[in-house]
Structures are given as structure tokens and as C-alpha cells.
């Protein structure tokens, strides 16, 4: 996702940020693309996604890191690695 406005925590979408519905802001997550096993560490700084069946929205930089920019959506594994 790519927002021009501020995120729910008052910040901006960064290279490795994500939106999650319930996890606390500042939580660090490892997101792994199940199709190619590439992973990225992201920081939750927004709420969402608000589309049924989706569990996380990644910034464009994070999506690029795991090879899912072209497809736009991918099956991923999300693992919490740290929280503030």
C-alpha cells in the first residue's frame, strides 16, 4: 500500500512498514512470501487492511523485498519478532 497522508500512528509509510488490524504500533514482524520463501522485517505503523481475506498490507518497499509487487497480493506467513 502507499499512502500520501499520515498513517494511523501519525507517521508515514516507509520502506519497511506495514498495516495490521490489531497488533500494536511498533511491532516488528517477519513476513515471508510462501511462493519464493523471501522474507522482510516490517514495523506496524498503520491499521488495515480493510479488504476481506487479507491479513497485512505492506509498503511498496517491503512488497518489493519479498517479490510481490507485480502480483499485488501473495500468500504470506507473518511472524511477530518484537514489540515495543
PDB file of N, CA and C in Angstrom:
ATOM      1  N   UNK A   1       0.839  -1.169   0.000  1.00  0.00           N
ATOM      2  CA  UNK A   1       0.000   0.000   0.000  1.00  0.00           C
ATOM      3  C   UNK A   1       0.884   1.232   0.000  1.00  0.00           C
ATOM      4  N   UNK A   2       0.330   2.347  -0.399  1.00  0.00           N
ATOM      5  CA  UNK A   2       1.106   3.576  -0.488  1.00  0.00           C
ATOM      6  C   UNK A   2       0.184   4.736  -0.152  1.00  0.00           C
ATOM      7  N   UNK A   3       0.387   5.317   1.010  1.00  0.00           N
ATOM      8  CA  UNK A   3      -0.415   6.452   1.442  1.00  0.00           C
ATOM      9  C   UNK A   3       0.353   7.751   1.257  1.00  0.00           C
ATOM     10  N   UNK A   4      -0.319   8.776   0.844  1.00  0.00           N
ATOM     11  CA  UNK A   4       0.290  10.103   0.784  1.00  0.00           C
ATOM     12  C   UNK A   4       0.043  10.844   2.096  1.00  0.00           C
ATOM     13  N   UNK A   5      -1.010  10.435   2.803  1.00  0.00           N
ATOM     14  CA  UNK A   5      -1.349  11.064   4.084  1.00  0.00           C
ATOM     15  C   UNK A   5      -0.625  10.335   5.220  1.00  0.00           C
ATOM     16  N   UNK A   6      -0.809  10.803   6.421  1.00  0.00           N
ATOM     17  CA  UNK A   6      -0.202  10.164   7.582  1.00  0.00           C
ATOM     18  C   UNK A   6      -0.895   8.842   7.894  1.00  0.00           C
ATOM     19  N   UNK A   7      -0.137   7.946   8.520  1.00  0.00           N
ATOM     20  CA  UNK A   7      -0.680   6.652   8.919  1.00  0.00           C
ATOM     21  C   UNK A   7      -1.456   6.811  10.224  1.00  0.00           C
ATOM     22  N   UNK A   8      -2.055   5.746  10.690  1.00  0.00           N
ATOM     23  CA  UNK A   8      -2.868   5.785  11.909  1.00  0.00           C
ATOM     24  C   UNK A   8      -2.068   6.178  13.144  1.00  0.00           C
ATOM     25  N   UNK A   9      -0.741   5.943  13.143  1.00  0.00           N
ATOM     26  CA  UNK A   9       0.056   6.333  14.303  1.00  0.00           C
ATOM     27  C   UNK A   9       0.684   7.716  14.126  1.00  0.00           C
ATOM     28  N   UNK A  10       0.313   8.413  13.052  1.00  0.00           N
ATOM     29  CA  UNK A  10       0.812   9.764  12.817  1.00  0.00           C
ATOM     30  C   UNK A  10       2.084   9.834  12.004  1.00  0.00           C
ATOM     31  N   UNK A  11       2.598   8.675  11.585  1.00  0.00           N
ATOM     32  CA  UNK A  11       3.818   8.632  10.794  1.00  0.00           C
ATOM     33  C   UNK A  11       3.526   8.585   9.303  1.00  0.00           C
ATOM     34  N   UNK A  12       4.469   8.119   8.573  1.00  0.00           N
ATOM     35  CA  UNK A  12       4.348   7.963   7.118  1.00  0.00           C
ATOM     36  C   UNK A  12       4.655   6.526   6.726  1.00  0.00           C
ATOM     37  N   UNK A  13       4.186   6.133   5.561  1.00  0.00           N
ATOM     38  CA  UNK A  13       4.548   4.832   5.016  1.00  0.00           C
ATOM     39  C   UNK A  13       6.023   4.889   4.679  1.00  0.00           C
ATOM     40  N   UNK A  14       6.787   3.929   5.190  1.00  0.00           N
ATOM     41  CA  UNK A  14       8.223   3.891   4.949  1.00  0.00           C
ATOM     42  C   UNK A  14       8.605   2.699   4.108  1.00  0.00           C
ATOM     43  N   UNK A  15       9.901   2.499   3.953  1.00  0.00           N
ATOM     44  CA  UNK A  15      10.403   1.410   3.122  1.00  0.00           C
ATOM     45  C   UNK A  15      10.025   0.042   3.665  1.00  0.00           C
ATOM     46  N   UNK A  16       9.944  -0.085   4.980  1.00  0.00           N
ATOM     47  CA  UNK A  16       9.641  -1.382   5.593  1.00  0.00           C
ATOM     48  C   UNK A  16       8.574  -1.234   6.672  1.00  0.00           C
ATOM     49  N   UNK A  17       7.423  -0.741   6.265  1.00  0.00           N
ATOM     50  CA  UNK A  17       6.313  -0.595   7.204  1.00  0.00           C
ATOM     51  C   UNK A  17       5.126  -1.426   6.736  1.00  0.00           C
ATOM     52  N   UNK A  18       4.165  -1.595   7.652  1.00  0.00           N
ATOM     53  CA  UNK A  18       3.009  -2.425   7.339  1.00  0.00           C
ATOM     54  C   UNK A  18       1.793  -1.947   8.118  1.00  0.00           C
ATOM     55  N   UNK A  19       0.636  -2.337   7.618  1.00  0.00           N
ATOM     56  CA  UNK A  19      -0.625  -2.091   8.310  1.00  0.00           C
ATOM     57  C   UNK A  19      -1.167  -3.432   8.778  1.00  0.00           C
ATOM     58  N   UNK A  20      -1.608  -3.474  10.035  1.00  0.00           N
ATOM     59  CA  UNK A  20      -2.217  -4.669  10.603  1.00  0.00           C
ATOM     60  C   UNK A  20      -3.413  -4.216  11.435  1.00  0.00           C
ATOM     61  N   UNK A  21      -4.463  -5.014  11.461  1.00  0.00           N
ATOM     62  CA  UNK A  21      -5.695  -4.605  12.150  1.00  0.00           C
ATOM     63  C   UNK A  21      -5.557  -4.509  13.666  1.00  0.00           C
ATOM     64  N   UNK A  22      -4.787  -5.411  14.285  1.00  0.00           N
ATOM     65  CA  UNK A  22      -4.829  -5.491  15.749  1.00  0.00           C
ATOM     66  C   UNK A  22      -3.485  -5.386  16.466  1.00  0.00           C
ATOM     67  N   UNK A  23      -2.394  -5.720  15.832  1.00  0.00           N
ATOM     68  CA  UNK A  23      -1.102  -5.698  16.529  1.00  0.00           C
ATOM     69  C   UNK A  23      -0.708  -4.278  16.915  1.00  0.00           C
ATOM     70  N   UNK A  24      -0.036  -4.113  18.042  1.00  0.00           N
ATOM     71  CA  UNK A  24       0.346  -2.773  18.493  1.00  0.00           C
ATOM     72  C   UNK A  24       1.305  -2.083  17.519  1.00  0.00           C
ATOM     73  N   UNK A  25       1.157  -0.770  17.420  1.00  0.00           N
ATOM     74  CA  UNK A  25       2.114   0.008  16.632  1.00  0.00           C
ATOM     75  C   UNK A  25       3.513  -0.245  17.192  1.00  0.00           C
ATOM     76  N   UNK A  26       4.473  -0.345  16.304  1.00  0.00           N
ATOM     77  CA  UNK A  26       5.848  -0.613  16.710  1.00  0.00           C
ATOM     78  C   UNK A  26       6.213  -2.082  16.690  1.00  0.00           C
ATOM     79  N   UNK A  27       5.220  -2.965  16.563  1.00  0.00           N
ATOM     80  CA  UNK A  27       5.510  -4.397  16.483  1.00  0.00           C
ATOM     81  C   UNK A  27       6.364  -4.674  15.257  1.00  0.00           C
ATOM     82  N   UNK A  28       7.361  -5.518  15.434  1.00  0.00           N
ATOM     83  CA  UNK A  28       8.212  -5.953  14.323  1.00  0.00           C
ATOM     84  C   UNK A  28       7.734  -7.329  13.883  1.00  0.00           C
ATOM     85  N   UNK A  29       7.558  -7.481  12.578  1.00  0.00           N
ATOM     86  CA  UNK A  29       7.060  -8.730  12.016  1.00  0.00           C
ATOM     87  C   UNK A  29       7.978  -9.215  10.908  1.00  0.00           C
ATOM     88  N   UNK A  30       8.159 -10.517  10.851  1.00  0.00           N
ATOM     89  CA  UNK A  30       8.827 -11.121   9.693  1.00  0.00           C
ATOM     90  C   UNK A  30       7.723 -11.630   8.790  1.00  0.00           C
ATOM     91  N   UNK A  31       7.697 -11.129   7.570  1.00  0.00           N
ATOM     92  CA  UNK A  31       6.691 -11.524   6.589  1.00  0.00           C
ATOM     93  C   UNK A  31       7.409 -12.315   5.505  1.00  0.00           C
ATOM     94  N   UNK A  32       6.971 -13.553   5.299  1.00  0.00           N
ATOM     95  CA  UNK A  32       7.606 -14.438   4.326  1.00  0.00           C
ATOM     96  C   UNK A  32       6.627 -14.764   3.213  1.00  0.00           C
ATOM     97  N   UNK A  33       7.049 -14.537   1.980  1.00  0.00           N
ATOM     98  CA  UNK A  33       6.271 -14.895   0.799  1.00  0.00           C
ATOM     99  C   UNK A  33       6.385 -16.408   0.638  1.00  0.00           C
ATOM    100  N   UNK A  34       5.281 -17.120   0.737  1.00  0.00           N
ATOM    101  CA  UNK A  34       5.312 -18.583   0.693  1.00  0.00           C
ATOM    102  C   UNK A  34       5.678 -19.130  -0.685  1.00  0.00           C
ATOM    103  N   UNK A  35       5.517 -18.334  -1.723  1.00  0.00           N
ATOM    104  CA  UNK A  35       5.827 -18.807  -3.078  1.00  0.00           C
ATOM    105  C   UNK A  35       7.330 -18.857  -3.346  1.00  0.00           C
ATOM    106  N   UNK A  36       8.090 -17.927  -2.748  1.00  0.00           N
ATOM    107  CA  UNK A  36       9.528 -17.882  -3.049  1.00  0.00           C
ATOM    108  C   UNK A  36      10.411 -17.912  -1.806  1.00  0.00           C
ATOM    109  N   UNK A  37       9.791 -17.969  -0.632  1.00  0.00           N
ATOM    110  CA  UNK A  37      10.485 -18.049   0.660  1.00  0.00           C
ATOM    111  C   UNK A  37      11.304 -16.801   1.012  1.00  0.00           C
ATOM    112  N   UNK A  38      11.121 -15.711   0.289  1.00  0.00           N
ATOM    113  CA  UNK A  38      11.795 -14.457   0.630  1.00  0.00           C
ATOM    114  C   UNK A  38      11.062 -13.802   1.792  1.00  0.00           C
ATOM    115  N   UNK A  39      11.831 -13.167   2.703  1.00  0.00           N
ATOM    116  CA  UNK A  39      11.194 -12.533   3.854  1.00  0.00           C
ATOM    117  C   UNK A  39      11.755 -11.140   4.081  1.00  0.00           C
ATOM    118  N   UNK A  40      10.998 -10.368   4.846  1.00  0.00           N
ATOM    119  CA  UNK A  40      11.359  -8.999   5.175  1.00  0.00           C
ATOM    120  C   UNK A  40      10.858  -8.713   6.587  1.00  0.00           C
ATOM    121  N   UNK A  41      11.586  -7.874   7.308  1.00  0.00           N
ATOM    122  CA  UNK A  41      11.145  -7.419   8.623  1.00  0.00           C
ATOM    123  C   UNK A  41      10.470  -6.067   8.439  1.00  0.00           C
ATOM    124  N   UNK A  42       9.252  -5.936   8.963  1.00  0.00           N
ATOM    125  CA  UNK A  42       8.495  -4.684   8.851  1.00  0.00           C
ATOM    126  C   UNK A  42       8.069  -4.212  10.235  1.00  0.00           C
ATOM    127  N   UNK A  43       7.742  -2.932  10.316  1.00  0.00           N
ATOM    128  CA  UNK A  43       7.233  -2.334  11.542  1.00  0.00           C
ATOM    129  C   UNK A  43       5.789  -1.912  11.323  1.00  0.00           C
ATOM    130  N   UNK A  44       4.898  -2.326  12.213  1.00  0.00           N
ATOM    131  CA  UNK A  44       3.485  -1.946  12.111  1.00  0.00           C
ATOM    132  C   UNK A  44       3.338  -0.478  12.505  1.00  0.00           C
ATOM    133  N   UNK A  45       2.808   0.333  11.581  1.00  0.00           N
ATOM    134  CA  UNK A  45       2.568   1.746  11.898  1.00  0.00           C
ATOM    135  C   UNK A  45       1.232   2.242  11.351  1.00  0.00           C
ATOM    136  N   UNK A  46       0.368   1.302  10.965  1.00  0.00           N
ATOM    137  CA  UNK A  46      -0.929   1.699  10.424  1.00  0.00           C
ATOM    138  C   UNK A  46      -1.938   0.587  10.668  1.00  0.00           C
ATOM    139  N   UNK A  47      -3.208   0.894  10.476  1.00  0.00           N
ATOM    140  CA  UNK A  47      -4.288  -0.073  10.617  1.00  0.00           C
ATOM    141  C   UNK A  47      -4.771  -0.499   9.236  1.00  0.00           C
ATOM    142  N   UNK A  48      -5.179  -1.725   9.136  1.00  0.00           N
ATOM    143  CA  UNK A  48      -5.652  -2.280   7.882  1.00  0.00           C
ATOM    144  C   UNK A  48      -5.117  -3.687   7.771  1.00  0.00           C
ATOM    145  N   UNK A  49      -5.322  -4.358   6.704  1.00  0.00           N
ATOM    146  CA  UNK A  49      -6.126  -3.991   5.544  1.00  0.00           C
ATOM    147  C   UNK A  49      -7.617  -4.126   5.843  1.00  0.00           C
ATOM    148  N   UNK A  50      -8.387  -3.476   5.043  1.00  0.00           N
ATOM    149  CA  UNK A  50      -9.839  -3.496   5.230  1.00  0.00           C
ATOM    150  C   UNK A  50     -10.536  -4.195   4.071  1.00  0.00           C
ATOM    151  N   UNK A  51      -9.854  -5.150   3.481  1.00  0.00           N
ATOM    152  CA  UNK A  51     -10.396  -5.988   2.408  1.00  0.00           C
ATOM    153  C   UNK A  51     -10.456  -7.409   2.947  1.00  0.00           C
ATOM    154  N   UNK A  52     -11.594  -8.042   2.860  1.00  0.00           N
ATOM    155  CA  UNK A  52     -11.775  -9.386   3.388  1.00  0.00           C
ATOM    156  C   UNK A  52     -10.739 -10.371   2.888  1.00  0.00           C
ATOM    157  N   UNK A  53     -10.276 -11.235   3.778  1.00  0.00           N
ATOM    158  CA  UNK A  53      -9.328 -12.275   3.415  1.00  0.00           C
ATOM    159  C   UNK A  53      -7.876 -11.850   3.458  1.00  0.00           C
ATOM    160  N   UNK A  54      -7.612 -10.576   3.688  1.00  0.00           N
ATOM    161  CA  UNK A  54      -6.230 -10.101   3.743  1.00  0.00           C
ATOM    162  C   UNK A  54      -5.844  -9.859   5.197  1.00  0.00           C
ATOM    163  N   UNK A  55      -4.597 -10.190   5.544  1.00  0.00           N
ATOM    164  CA  UNK A  55      -4.169 -10.076   6.934  1.00  0.00           C
ATOM    165  C   UNK A  55      -3.162  -8.960   7.179  1.00  0.00           C
ATOM    166  N   UNK A  56      -2.498  -8.475   6.129  1.00  0.00           N
ATOM    167  CA  UNK A  56      -1.478  -7.446   6.296  1.00  0.00           C
ATOM    168  C   UNK A  56      -1.337  -6.665   4.995  1.00  0.00           C
ATOM    169  N   UNK A  57      -1.055  -5.381   5.128  1.00  0.00           N
ATOM    170  CA  UNK A  57      -0.701  -4.539   3.976  1.00  0.00           C
ATOM    171  C   UNK A  57       0.764  -4.159   4.139  1.00  0.00           C
ATOM    172  N   UNK A  58       1.539  -4.330   3.085  1.00  0.00           N
ATOM    173  CA  UNK A  58       2.956  -3.979   3.123  1.00  0.00           C
ATOM    174  C   UNK A  58       3.216  -2.724   2.320  1.00  0.00           C
ATOM    175  N   UNK A  59       4.201  -1.942   2.769  1.00  0.00           N
ATOM    176  CA  UNK A  59       4.638  -0.800   1.978  1.00  0.00           C
ATOM    177  C   UNK A  59       5.235  -1.323   0.672  1.00  0.00           C
ATOM    178  N   UNK A  60       5.368  -0.457  -0.306  1.00  0.00           N
ATOM    179  CA  UNK A  60       5.901  -0.887  -1.596  1.00  0.00           C
ATOM    180  C   UNK A  60       7.315  -1.439  -1.462  1.00  0.00           C
ATOM    181  N   UNK A  61       8.122  -0.823  -0.620  1.00  0.00           N
ATOM    182  CA  UNK A  61       9.491  -1.309  -0.419  1.00  0.00           C
ATOM    183  C   UNK A  61       9.525  -2.705   0.161  1.00  0.00           C
ATOM    184  N   UNK A  62       8.668  -2.965   1.141  1.00  0.00           N
ATOM    185  CA  UNK A  62       8.605  -4.297   1.750  1.00  0.00           C
ATOM    186  C   UNK A  62       8.069  -5.322   0.756  1.00  0.00           C
ATOM    187  N   UNK A  63       7.044  -4.948  -0.003  1.00  0.00           N
ATOM    188  CA  UNK A  63       6.490  -5.855  -1.015  1.00  0.00           C
ATOM    189  C   UNK A  63       7.538  -6.186  -2.069  1.00  0.00           C
ATOM    190  N   UNK A  64       8.331  -5.199  -2.450  1.00  0.00           N
ATOM    191  CA  UNK A  64       9.401  -5.421  -3.417  1.00  0.00           C
ATOM    192  C   UNK A  64      10.444  -6.391  -2.866  1.00  0.00           C
ATOM    193  N   UNK A  65      10.773  -6.250  -1.596  1.00  0.00           N
ATOM    194  CA  UNK A  65      11.784  -7.095  -0.974  1.00  0.00           C
ATOM    195  C   UNK A  65      11.410  -8.572  -0.998  1.00  0.00           C
ATOM    196  N   UNK A  66      10.106  -8.869  -0.968  1.00  0.00           N
ATOM    197  CA  UNK A  66       9.690 -10.279  -0.992  1.00  0.00           C
ATOM    198  C   UNK A  66       9.099 -10.693  -2.345  1.00  0.00           C
ATOM    199  N   UNK A  67       9.268  -9.843  -3.341  1.00  0.00           N
ATOM    200  CA  UNK A  67       8.889 -10.214  -4.706  1.00  0.00           C
ATOM    201  C   UNK A  67       7.409 -10.309  -4.978  1.00  0.00           C
ATOM    202  N   UNK A  68       6.625  -9.371  -4.433  1.00  0.00           N
ATOM    203  CA  UNK A  68       5.184  -9.448  -4.680  1.00  0.00           C
ATOM    204  C   UNK A  68       4.587  -8.170  -5.255  1.00  0.00           C
ATOM    205  N   UNK A  69       5.418  -7.285  -5.773  1.00  0.00           N
ATOM    206  CA  UNK A  69       4.902  -6.032  -6.341  1.00  0.00           C
ATOM    207  C   UNK A  69       4.079  -6.312  -7.594  1.00  0.00           C
ATOM    208  N   UNK A  70       4.553  -7.175  -8.445  1.00  0.00           N
ATOM    209  CA  UNK A  70       3.847  -7.481  -9.691  1.00  0.00           C
ATOM    210  C   UNK A  70       2.464  -8.074  -9.425  1.00  0.00           C
ATOM    211  N   UNK A  71       2.397  -9.036  -8.518  1.00  0.00           N
ATOM    212  CA  UNK A  71       1.124  -9.713  -8.255  1.00  0.00           C
ATOM    213  C   UNK A  71       0.191  -8.860  -7.399  1.00  0.00           C
ATOM    214  N   UNK A  72       0.755  -8.040  -6.534  1.00  0.00           N
ATOM    215  CA  UNK A  72      -0.058  -7.198  -5.660  1.00  0.00           C
ATOM    216  C   UNK A  72      -0.551  -7.893  -4.408  1.00  0.00           C
ATOM    217  N   UNK A  73      -0.773  -9.172  -4.490  1.00  0.00           N
ATOM    218  CA  UNK A  73      -1.164  -9.978  -3.327  1.00  0.00           C
ATOM    219  C   UNK A  73      -0.374 -11.281  -3.366  1.00  0.00           C
ATOM    220  N   UNK A  74      -0.166 -11.853  -2.204  1.00  0.00           N
ATOM    221  CA  UNK A  74       0.566 -13.121  -2.120  1.00  0.00           C
ATOM    222  C   UNK A  74       0.170 -13.820  -0.833  1.00  0.00           C
ATOM    223  N   UNK A  75       0.319 -15.130  -0.825  1.00  0.00           N
ATOM    224  CA  UNK A  75       0.143 -15.879   0.415  1.00  0.00           C
ATOM    225  C   UNK A  75       1.432 -15.704   1.207  1.00  0.00           C
ATOM    226  N   UNK A  76       1.269 -15.257   2.443  1.00  0.00           N
ATOM    227  CA  UNK A  76       2.431 -14.975   3.288  1.00  0.00           C
ATOM    228  C   UNK A  76       2.265 -15.608   4.665  1.00  0.00           C
ATOM    229  N   UNK A  77       3.403 -15.788   5.311  1.00  0.00           N
ATOM    230  CA  UNK A  77       3.433 -16.193   6.721  1.00  0.00           C
ATOM    231  C   UNK A  77       3.909 -14.977   7.498  1.00  0.00           C
ATOM    232  N   UNK A  78       3.182 -14.635   8.567  1.00  0.00           N
ATOM    233  CA  UNK A  78       3.529 -13.470   9.394  1.00  0.00           C
ATOM    234  C   UNK A  78       3.935 -13.974  10.768  1.00  0.00           C
ATOM    235  N   UNK A  79       5.118 -13.576  11.199  1.00  0.00           N
ATOM    236  CA  UNK A  79       5.654 -13.985  12.496  1.00  0.00           C
ATOM    237  C   UNK A  79       6.069 -12.746  13.272  1.00  0.00           C
ATOM    238  N   UNK A  80       5.575 -12.619  14.472  1.00  0.00           N
ATOM    239  CA  UNK A  80       5.929 -11.474  15.312  1.00  0.00           C
ATOM    240  C   UNK A  80       7.312 -11.721  15.907  1.00  0.00           C
ATOM    241  N   UNK A  81       8.238 -10.782  15.679  1.00  0.00           N
ATOM    242  CA  UNK A  81       9.597 -10.950  16.176  1.00  0.00           C
ATOM    243  C   UNK A  81       9.908 -10.000  17.321  1.00  0.00           C
ATOM    244  N   UNK A  82       9.175  -8.897  17.465  1.00  0.00           N
ATOM    245  CA  UNK A  82       9.402  -7.953  18.576  1.00  0.00           C
ATOM    246  C   UNK A  82       8.221  -7.004  18.684  1.00  0.00           C
ATOM    247  N   UNK A  83       8.101  -6.392  19.838  1.00  0.00           N
ATOM    248  CA  UNK A  83       7.066  -5.390  20.067  1.00  0.00           C
ATOM    249  C   UNK A  83       7.601  -4.342  21.011  1.00  0.00           C
ATOM    250  N   UNK A  84       7.092  -3.133  20.882  1.00  0.00           N
ATOM    251  CA  UNK A  84       7.508  -2.057  21.792  1.00  0.00           C
ATOM    252  C   UNK A  84       6.800  -2.176  23.110  1.00  0.00           C
TER     253      UNK A  84
END
